[in-house]
Protein backbone atom coordinates (compact mmCIF):
# COMPACT_ATOMS: atom_id res chain seq x y z
CA MET A 1 95.32 75.13 73.47
CA ALA A 2 97.11 77.15 76.83
CA ARG A 3 95.92 80.71 76.99
CA THR A 4 99.03 82.59 77.10
CA PRO A 5 98.01 84.37 80.73
CA LYS A 6 97.67 87.91 80.92
CA VAL A 7 99.82 90.92 82.61
CA ALA A 8 98.52 93.61 84.54
CA THR A 9 99.09 96.76 83.62
CA LYS A 10 98.04 100.17 84.38
CA ALA A 11 97.08 103.06 82.42
CA ALA A 12 98.79 106.24 82.49
CA GLU A 13 99.07 109.25 80.14
CA VAL A 14 102.80 110.47 78.69
CA PRO A 15 103.45 113.94 77.27
CA GLN A 16 104.82 113.96 73.94
CA GLU A 17 106.63 116.83 72.35
CA ASP A 18 103.84 117.86 70.42
CA GLY A 19 102.23 119.06 73.20
CA THR A 20 99.18 116.12 73.08
CA THR A 21 99.53 113.49 75.26
CA VAL A 22 99.04 109.46 74.76
CA LEU A 23 98.27 107.00 77.50
CA MET A 24 100.38 103.89 77.51
CA ASN A 25 100.37 100.91 79.97
CA PHE A 26 103.25 100.17 82.35
CA PRO A 27 103.23 97.15 83.91
CA LYS A 28 103.82 96.88 87.55
CA ALA A 29 108.16 96.79 87.51
CA CYS A 30 107.03 100.99 85.95
CA TRP A 31 105.76 101.59 89.49
CA ALA A 32 107.14 102.13 92.98
CA HIS A 33 104.99 101.74 95.24
CA VAL A 34 102.92 98.32 94.19
CA PRO A 35 100.78 96.78 97.17
CA SER A 36 99.16 94.20 95.32
CA ASN A 37 98.28 92.85 91.30
CA ASP A 38 95.64 95.03 91.61
CA PRO A 39 96.24 98.09 88.68
CA LYS A 40 93.98 100.75 91.01
CA THR A 41 96.61 100.07 93.78
CA TRP A 42 99.98 101.53 92.38
CA TYR A 43 101.19 104.91 92.51
CA LEU A 44 104.70 107.09 92.20
CA ARG A 45 105.55 106.03 87.92
CA MET A 46 109.17 105.56 88.21
CA TYR A 47 109.70 105.24 84.02
CA TRP A 48 108.87 107.48 80.99
CA GLU A 49 107.58 104.52 78.88
CA PRO A 50 106.72 101.04 79.23
CA ASP A 51 109.84 100.22 77.64
CA ASP A 52 112.33 102.47 78.58
CA THR A 53 115.21 100.35 80.64
CA LEU A 54 116.08 103.01 82.97
CA PRO A 55 114.18 105.20 85.59
CA ASP A 56 113.46 108.89 83.94
CA GLY A 57 114.99 111.34 85.97
CA ASP A 58 112.10 113.43 85.65
CA CYS A 59 109.50 110.70 86.94
CA LEU A 60 111.50 110.05 89.47
CA THR A 61 111.56 113.92 90.59
CA HIS A 62 107.97 113.95 90.92
CA SER A 63 107.78 110.30 92.93
CA ILE A 64 110.40 111.90 95.36
CA GLU A 65 108.11 114.99 95.73
CA ALA A 66 104.99 112.87 96.30
CA LEU A 67 106.41 111.10 99.09
CA LYS A 68 107.72 114.68 100.38
CA ARG A 69 103.70 115.53 100.40
CA ALA A 70 103.37 112.52 101.61
CA GLU A 71 105.65 112.92 104.90
CA PHE A 72 103.80 116.46 104.68
CA SER A 73 99.86 115.34 105.18
CA ARG A 74 99.04 112.11 105.70
CA ALA A 75 96.30 112.67 105.37
CA GLN A 76 95.88 113.34 101.89
CA SER A 77 98.51 110.43 101.28
CA ARG A 78 97.45 107.67 98.96
CA LEU A 79 100.24 105.46 101.33
CA SER A 80 100.00 103.61 104.20
CA ARG A 81 102.83 104.86 107.38
CA LYS A 82 104.22 101.45 106.51
CA GLU A 83 104.02 101.89 102.78
CA VAL A 84 106.40 104.55 102.60
CA PRO A 85 109.75 103.06 103.07
CA TYR A 86 109.06 100.08 100.49
CA ALA A 87 108.02 102.75 98.02
CA LYS A 88 111.24 105.22 99.32
CA GLY A 89 113.26 101.94 98.98
CA ARG A 90 112.03 101.43 95.10
CA ILE A 91 112.80 105.15 94.50
CA LEU A 92 115.67 105.48 96.16
CA ALA A 93 116.93 101.77 94.03
CA ALA A 94 116.12 103.29 90.77
CA TRP A 95 117.58 107.14 91.63
CA ARG A 96 120.98 105.00 92.08
CA LYS A 97 120.57 103.10 88.57
CA THR A 98 119.54 106.35 86.61
CA PHE A 99 121.92 108.77 88.84
CA PRO A 100 124.86 107.37 90.46
CA ASN A 101 126.93 110.10 91.06
CA ARG A 102 123.90 112.30 92.53
CA ASP A 103 123.55 112.91 96.13
CA ILE A 104 120.73 110.73 97.19
CA PRO A 105 117.52 113.08 98.22
CA ASP A 106 117.11 114.01 101.44
CA VAL A 107 113.28 111.74 101.55
CA LEU A 108 115.04 109.06 100.36
CA ALA A 109 118.15 108.50 102.97
CA LYS A 110 115.79 108.58 105.72
CA ASP A 111 113.71 105.05 106.69
CA ALA A 112 114.03 103.91 102.75
CA ILE A 113 114.08 99.50 102.53
CA GLU A 114 115.48 99.27 99.09
CA PRO A 115 114.38 96.17 97.44
CA ASP A 116 116.15 93.21 97.63
CA GLU A 117 116.58 89.96 94.56
CA THR A 118 114.27 87.81 96.67
CA SER A 119 111.59 89.47 98.32
CA ALA A 120 107.91 90.63 97.23
CA GLU A 121 108.93 94.06 97.19
CA SER A 122 111.47 93.61 94.24
CA GLU A 123 108.62 91.52 91.85
CA GLY A 124 107.80 95.22 90.77
């Protein structure tokens, strides 16, 4: 009997309207920084819930703020210097999907490397 391959996910707390939080498992595609298949390394969530079809504006805004902090304080960043452009690129692609008519935030306009359909970074 063939086994179904296990899909890696990373748990994250999602606030609910009643003030509680629920722990949900997010697949790799929900994160902007995915340097490996190890969920412990995933960072910068872009979706409110795992099954959402569009990235969430609040999650994107929080990810952008984290990128700003990473650029301001490299010593405290969870991203290496070479990883930042790829994370920016994934967030930029998500921003364009979610907000097609809004200006691109300044932090994303510089040095972002957007994933293409054939790159490993686009697997997310």
